[in-house]
Amino acid sequence: MPIVPDTKDWTWVLSRPCPECGYVAADVDRDHLGPLVRENAAAWQDILARPEGLADRPSDDRWSALEYAGHIEDVYRIMDARLALMLAEDDPAFANWDQDATADERRYGKADPVELAAALDTAAGVLAARYETVEGPAWDRTGRRSDGSTFTVDSLGRYMLHDVVHHLDDVAKGFAVLGVERG
């Protein structure tokens, strides 16, 4: 069964805590974005190494852990492309990304966990390494989505980090519903 698309504008997480997962963007030190991406990716590696409940949806309106992991790999890749664009061009416009169409096209729920783990780790490593190169005024470079949301290199990192942290929380809650221990 397809998931109902999430049409919320999540940019508000940059100005206030997320009541669902507890993420607080203001608490993130931008100089630690690279290590935080690597830490997050390690948690996804642990999830993908566990076969129990990996492909099971906890409810009809929630993705499985495997589907979330596929999305996270894409988040790392898309955000790296956006970051690279921001560092290379003045105030670039980002191409639209239909996350739900991508989930269907890439068949997240049918992914091989071993292959996905490797791709996710690679994508996270590339993004983390790029964030580790950012210095001084480059943090203030801007880019924008077609909906008018403007990001700096700094705020894009905090926004991206919320997405990947929030979905770890989604998976933990899903595993609890399924009665699967996360280990």
C-alpha atoms as a PDB file:
ATOM      1  CA  MET A   1       0.000   0.000   0.000  1.00  0.00           C
ATOM      2  CA  PRO A   2       1.446   3.427  -0.898  1.00  0.00           C
ATOM      3  CA  ILE A   3       2.213   5.889   1.851  1.00  0.00           C
ATOM      4  CA  VAL A   4       0.267   9.152   1.843  1.00  0.00           C
ATOM      5  CA  PRO A   5       2.772  11.838   0.750  1.00  0.00           C
ATOM      6  CA  ASP A   6       4.099  14.121   3.476  1.00  0.00           C
ATOM      7  CA  THR A   7       3.327  17.649   2.326  1.00  0.00           C
ATOM      8  CA  LYS A   8       4.494  19.460   5.466  1.00  0.00           C
ATOM      9  CA  ASP A   9       7.077  22.203   5.152  1.00  0.00           C
ATOM     10  CA  TRP A  10       9.629  20.972   7.679  1.00  0.00           C
ATOM     11  CA  THR A  11      11.803  24.112   7.555  1.00  0.00           C
ATOM     12  CA  TRP A  12      10.280  25.168  10.882  1.00  0.00           C
ATOM     13  CA  VAL A  13      12.678  22.707  12.577  1.00  0.00           C
ATOM     14  CA  LEU A  14      15.386  25.318  12.040  1.00  0.00           C
ATOM     15  CA  SER A  15      13.684  27.686  14.491  1.00  0.00           C
ATOM     16  CA  ARG A  16      12.135  25.388  17.101  1.00  0.00           C
ATOM     17  CA  PRO A  17      12.558  21.876  18.514  1.00  0.00           C
ATOM     18  CA  CYS A  18      10.835  18.953  16.824  1.00  0.00           C
ATOM     19  CA  PRO A  19       8.210  17.661  19.263  1.00  0.00           C
ATOM     20  CA  GLU A  20       8.210  14.223  17.614  1.00  0.00           C
ATOM     21  CA  CYS A  21      11.916  13.326  17.741  1.00  0.00           C
ATOM     22  CA  GLY A  22      13.372  15.958  20.090  1.00  0.00           C
ATOM     23  CA  TYR A  23      15.860  17.369  17.554  1.00  0.00           C
ATOM     24  CA  VAL A  24      16.990  20.933  18.285  1.00  0.00           C
ATOM     25  CA  ALA A  25      18.764  22.560  15.335  1.00  0.00           C
ATOM     26  CA  ALA A  26      20.171  25.348  17.533  1.00  0.00           C
ATOM     27  CA  ASP A  27      22.084  22.737  19.553  1.00  0.00           C
ATOM     28  CA  VAL A  28      24.029  21.507  16.519  1.00  0.00           C
ATOM     29  CA  ASP A  29      27.570  22.834  16.131  1.00  0.00           C
ATOM     30  CA  ARG A  30      28.008  23.278  12.382  1.00  0.00           C
ATOM     31  CA  ASP A  31      31.648  22.284  12.658  1.00  0.00           C
ATOM     32  CA  HIS A  32      30.420  18.847  13.750  1.00  0.00           C
ATOM     33  CA  LEU A  33      28.057  18.235  10.826  1.00  0.00           C
ATOM     34  CA  GLY A  34      30.531  15.867   9.136  1.00  0.00           C
ATOM     35  CA  PRO A  35      31.037  13.681  12.218  1.00  0.00           C
ATOM     36  CA  LEU A  36      27.299  13.801  12.980  1.00  0.00           C
ATOM     37  CA  VAL A  37      26.486  12.531   9.477  1.00  0.00           C
ATOM     38  CA  ARG A  38      28.986   9.695   9.950  1.00  0.00           C
ATOM     39  CA  GLU A  39      27.483   8.872  13.362  1.00  0.00           C
ATOM     40  CA  ASN A  40      23.997   8.820  11.880  1.00  0.00           C
ATOM     41  CA  ALA A  41      25.131   6.579   9.025  1.00  0.00           C
ATOM     42  CA  ALA A  42      26.606   4.128  11.536  1.00  0.00           C
ATOM     43  CA  ALA A  43      23.205   3.844  13.223  1.00  0.00           C
ATOM     44  CA  TRP A  44      21.627   3.018   9.841  1.00  0.00           C
ATOM     45  CA  GLN A  45      24.302   0.353   9.303  1.00  0.00           C
ATOM     46  CA  ASP A  46      23.236  -1.262  12.569  1.00  0.00           C
ATOM     47  CA  ILE A  47      19.589  -1.210  11.468  1.00  0.00           C
ATOM     48  CA  LEU A  48      20.323  -2.699   8.054  1.00  0.00           C
ATOM     49  CA  ALA A  49      22.340  -5.517   9.647  1.00  0.00           C
ATOM     50  CA  ARG A  50      19.265  -6.761  11.531  1.00  0.00           C
ATOM     51  CA  PRO A  51      16.944  -8.950   9.498  1.00  0.00           C
ATOM     52  CA  GLU A  52      14.049  -9.011  11.980  1.00  0.00           C
ATOM     53  CA  GLY A  53      11.297  -6.626  10.962  1.00  0.00           C
ATOM     54  CA  LEU A  54      13.469  -4.773   8.456  1.00  0.00           C
ATOM     55  CA  ALA A  55      10.979  -4.935   5.581  1.00  0.00           C
ATOM     56  CA  ASP A  56       7.823  -4.916   7.720  1.00  0.00           C
ATOM     57  CA  ARG A  57       5.717  -1.783   7.923  1.00  0.00           C
ATOM     58  CA  PRO A  58       4.508  -1.084  11.461  1.00  0.00           C
ATOM     59  CA  SER A  59       1.244   0.269   9.989  1.00  0.00           C
ATOM     60  CA  ASP A  60      -0.236   1.012   6.591  1.00  0.00           C
ATOM     61  CA  ASP A  61       0.775   4.662   6.813  1.00  0.00           C
ATOM     62  CA  ARG A  62       4.422   4.188   7.886  1.00  0.00           C
ATOM     63  CA  TRP A  63       7.466   3.026   5.957  1.00  0.00           C
ATOM     64  CA  SER A  64       9.458  -0.006   6.973  1.00  0.00           C
ATOM     65  CA  ALA A  65      12.991   0.426   8.303  1.00  0.00           C
ATOM     66  CA  LEU A  66      14.270  -0.729   4.902  1.00  0.00           C
ATOM     67  CA  GLU A  67      12.232   1.939   3.112  1.00  0.00           C
ATOM     68  CA  TYR A  68      13.429   4.641   5.505  1.00  0.00           C
ATOM     69  CA  ALA A  69      17.035   3.550   4.932  1.00  0.00           C
ATOM     70  CA  GLY A  70      16.552   3.872   1.168  1.00  0.00           C
ATOM     71  CA  HIS A  71      15.205   7.365   1.700  1.00  0.00           C
ATOM     72  CA  ILE A  72      18.161   8.270   3.928  1.00  0.00           C
ATOM     73  CA  GLU A  73      20.641   7.185   1.271  1.00  0.00           C
ATOM     74  CA  ASP A  74      18.850   9.525  -1.141  1.00  0.00           C
ATOM     75  CA  VAL A  75      18.798  12.336   1.433  1.00  0.00           C
ATOM     76  CA  TYR A  76      22.573  12.078   1.781  1.00  0.00           C
ATOM     77  CA  ARG A  77      23.044  12.130  -2.019  1.00  0.00           C
ATOM     78  CA  ILE A  78      20.566  14.945  -2.739  1.00  0.00           C
ATOM     79  CA  MET A  79      21.860  17.125   0.083  1.00  0.00           C
ATOM     80  CA  ASP A  80      25.438  16.570  -1.039  1.00  0.00           C
ATOM     81  CA  ALA A  81      24.490  17.699  -4.559  1.00  0.00           C
ATOM     82  CA  ARG A  82      22.781  20.774  -3.123  1.00  0.00           C
ATOM     83  CA  LEU A  83      25.743  21.543  -0.875  1.00  0.00           C
ATOM     84  CA  ALA A  84      28.174  21.204  -3.786  1.00  0.00           C
ATOM     85  CA  LEU A  85      26.000  23.554  -5.845  1.00  0.00           C
ATOM     86  CA  MET A  86      25.887  26.122  -3.036  1.00  0.00           C
ATOM     87  CA  LEU A  87      29.666  26.032  -2.680  1.00  0.00           C
ATOM     88  CA  ALA A  88      30.212  26.411  -6.437  1.00  0.00           C
ATOM     89  CA  GLU A  89      27.499  28.893  -7.465  1.00  0.00           C
ATOM     90  CA  ASP A  90      25.975  32.054  -6.062  1.00  0.00           C
ATOM     91  CA  ASP A  91      22.475  31.443  -4.687  1.00  0.00           C
ATOM     92  CA  PRO A  92      21.568  28.449  -6.881  1.00  0.00           C
ATOM     93  CA  ALA A  93      18.026  27.179  -7.281  1.00  0.00           C
ATOM     94  CA  PHE A  94      17.667  23.521  -6.355  1.00  0.00           C
ATOM     95  CA  ALA A  95      15.968  21.064  -8.658  1.00  0.00           C
ATOM     96  CA  ASN A  96      12.706  19.785  -7.225  1.00  0.00           C
ATOM     97  CA  TRP A  97      12.837  16.402  -5.539  1.00  0.00           C
ATOM     98  CA  ASP A  98       9.669  14.343  -5.295  1.00  0.00           C
ATOM     99  CA  GLN A  99      10.608  12.056  -2.434  1.00  0.00           C
ATOM    100  CA  ASP A 100       7.527   9.881  -2.813  1.00  0.00           C
ATOM    101  CA  ALA A 101       8.066   9.331  -6.534  1.00  0.00           C
ATOM    102  CA  THR A 102      11.699   8.472  -5.812  1.00  0.00           C
ATOM    103  CA  ALA A 103      10.596   5.905  -3.208  1.00  0.00           C
ATOM    104  CA  ASP A 104       8.367   4.233  -5.800  1.00  0.00           C
ATOM    105  CA  GLU A 105      10.924   4.426  -8.623  1.00  0.00           C
ATOM    106  CA  ARG A 106      13.769   3.054  -6.528  1.00  0.00           C
ATOM    107  CA  ARG A 107      11.543   0.437  -4.874  1.00  0.00           C
ATOM    108  CA  TYR A 108      12.918   1.119  -1.411  1.00  0.00           C
ATOM    109  CA  GLY A 109      10.999  -1.780   0.132  1.00  0.00           C
ATOM    110  CA  LYS A 110      12.648  -4.287  -2.223  1.00  0.00           C
ATOM    111  CA  ALA A 111      16.236  -3.115  -1.702  1.00  0.00           C
ATOM    112  CA  ASP A 112      18.961  -5.574  -0.814  1.00  0.00           C
ATOM    113  CA  PRO A 113      19.987  -4.540   2.727  1.00  0.00           C
ATOM    114  CA  VAL A 114      23.682  -5.310   2.143  1.00  0.00           C
ATOM    115  CA  GLU A 115      23.830  -3.278  -1.076  1.00  0.00           C
ATOM    116  CA  LEU A 116      21.807  -0.467   0.497  1.00  0.00           C
ATOM    117  CA  ALA A 117      24.092  -0.387   3.539  1.00  0.00           C
ATOM    118  CA  ALA A 118      27.130   0.052   1.279  1.00  0.00           C
ATOM    119  CA  ALA A 119      25.450   2.771  -0.822  1.00  0.00           C
ATOM    120  CA  LEU A 120      24.204   4.597   2.274  1.00  0.00           C
ATOM    121  CA  ASP A 121      27.657   4.489   3.864  1.00  0.00           C
ATOM    122  CA  THR A 122      29.284   5.819   0.698  1.00  0.00           C
ATOM    123  CA  ALA A 123      26.753   8.637   0.293  1.00  0.00           C
ATOM    124  CA  ALA A 124      27.133   9.626   3.951  1.00  0.00           C
ATOM    125  CA  GLY A 125      30.917   9.619   3.653  1.00  0.00           C
ATOM    126  CA  VAL A 126      30.835  11.929   0.626  1.00  0.00           C
ATOM    127  CA  LEU A 127      28.444  14.363   2.334  1.00  0.00           C
ATOM    128  CA  ALA A 128      30.383  14.301   5.611  1.00  0.00           C
ATOM    129  CA  ALA A 129      33.674  14.932   3.813  1.00  0.00           C
ATOM    130  CA  ARG A 130      32.201  17.880   1.913  1.00  0.00           C
ATOM    131  CA  TYR A 131      30.879  19.429   5.143  1.00  0.00           C
ATOM    132  CA  GLU A 132      34.321  18.974   6.693  1.00  0.00           C
ATOM    133  CA  THR A 133      35.792  21.252   3.997  1.00  0.00           C
ATOM    134  CA  VAL A 134      33.496  24.204   4.735  1.00  0.00           C
ATOM    135  CA  GLU A 135      35.153  27.172   6.441  1.00  0.00           C
ATOM    136  CA  GLY A 136      34.535  30.823   7.281  1.00  0.00           C
ATOM    137  CA  PRO A 137      32.178  32.763   5.003  1.00  0.00           C
ATOM    138  CA  ALA A 138      31.301  29.640   2.994  1.00  0.00           C
ATOM    139  CA  TRP A 139      28.887  28.715   5.816  1.00  0.00           C
ATOM    140  CA  ASP A 140      26.763  31.721   4.814  1.00  0.00           C
ATOM    141  CA  ARG A 141      26.494  30.891   1.095  1.00  0.00           C
ATOM    142  CA  THR A 142      22.868  30.482   0.034  1.00  0.00           C
ATOM    143  CA  GLY A 143      20.669  28.273  -2.111  1.00  0.00           C
ATOM    144  CA  ARG A 144      16.921  28.008  -2.529  1.00  0.00           C
ATOM    145  CA  ARG A 145      14.124  25.593  -3.206  1.00  0.00           C
ATOM    146  CA  SER A 146      11.412  26.279  -5.768  1.00  0.00           C
ATOM    147  CA  ASP A 147       8.932  26.887  -2.926  1.00  0.00           C
ATOM    148  CA  GLY A 148      10.954  29.944  -1.883  1.00  0.00           C
ATOM    149  CA  SER A 149      12.693  28.417   1.133  1.00  0.00           C
ATOM    150  CA  THR A 150      16.218  29.812   1.345  1.00  0.00           C
ATOM    151  CA  PHE A 151      19.046  27.986   3.059  1.00  0.00           C
ATOM    152  CA  THR A 152      22.602  28.790   3.981  1.00  0.00           C
ATOM    153  CA  VAL A 153      25.220  26.046   3.908  1.00  0.00           C
ATOM    154  CA  ASP A 154      24.851  26.009   7.702  1.00  0.00           C
ATOM    155  CA  SER A 155      21.044  25.810   7.783  1.00  0.00           C
ATOM    156  CA  LEU A 156      20.940  23.200   5.007  1.00  0.00           C
ATOM    157  CA  GLY A 157      23.143  20.979   7.175  1.00  0.00           C
ATOM    158  CA  ARG A 158      20.963  21.434  10.240  1.00  0.00           C
ATOM    159  CA  TYR A 159      17.821  20.820   8.155  1.00  0.00           C
ATOM    160  CA  MET A 160      19.288  17.649   6.610  1.00  0.00           C
ATOM    161  CA  LEU A 161      20.449  16.390   9.978  1.00  0.00           C
ATOM    162  CA  HIS A 162      16.918  16.674  11.346  1.00  0.00           C
ATOM    163  CA  ASP A 163      15.610  14.508   8.512  1.00  0.00           C
ATOM    164  CA  VAL A 164      18.059  11.673   9.116  1.00  0.00           C
ATOM    165  CA  VAL A 165      17.737  11.859  12.926  1.00  0.00           C
ATOM    166  CA  HIS A 166      13.941  12.060  12.759  1.00  0.00           C
ATOM    167  CA  HIS A 167      13.753   8.936  10.635  1.00  0.00           C
ATOM    168  CA  LEU A 168      15.912   7.001  13.098  1.00  0.00           C
ATOM    169  CA  ASP A 169      13.239   7.875  15.638  1.00  0.00           C
ATOM    170  CA  ASP A 170      10.525   6.731  13.204  1.00  0.00           C
ATOM    171  CA  VAL A 171      12.285   3.382  12.827  1.00  0.00           C
ATOM    172  CA  ALA A 172      12.705   2.948  16.586  1.00  0.00           C
ATOM    173  CA  LYS A 173       8.986   3.593  17.076  1.00  0.00           C
ATOM    174  CA  GLY A 174       8.139   1.234  14.221  1.00  0.00           C
ATOM    175  CA  PHE A 175      10.291  -1.532  15.662  1.00  0.00           C
ATOM    176  CA  ALA A 176       8.545  -1.047  19.024  1.00  0.00           C
ATOM    177  CA  VAL A 177       5.144  -1.505  17.343  1.00  0.00           C
ATOM    178  CA  LEU A 178       6.428  -4.631  15.564  1.00  0.00           C
ATOM    179  CA  GLY A 179       7.928  -5.990  18.804  1.00  0.00           C
ATOM    180  CA  VAL A 180      11.453  -5.983  17.343  1.00  0.00           C
ATOM    181  CA  GLU A 181      14.342  -5.107  19.614  1.00  0.00           C
ATOM    182  CA  ARG A 182      16.796  -2.701  18.029  1.00  0.00           C
ATOM    183  CA  GLY A 183      19.778  -4.264  19.712  1.00  0.00           C
END
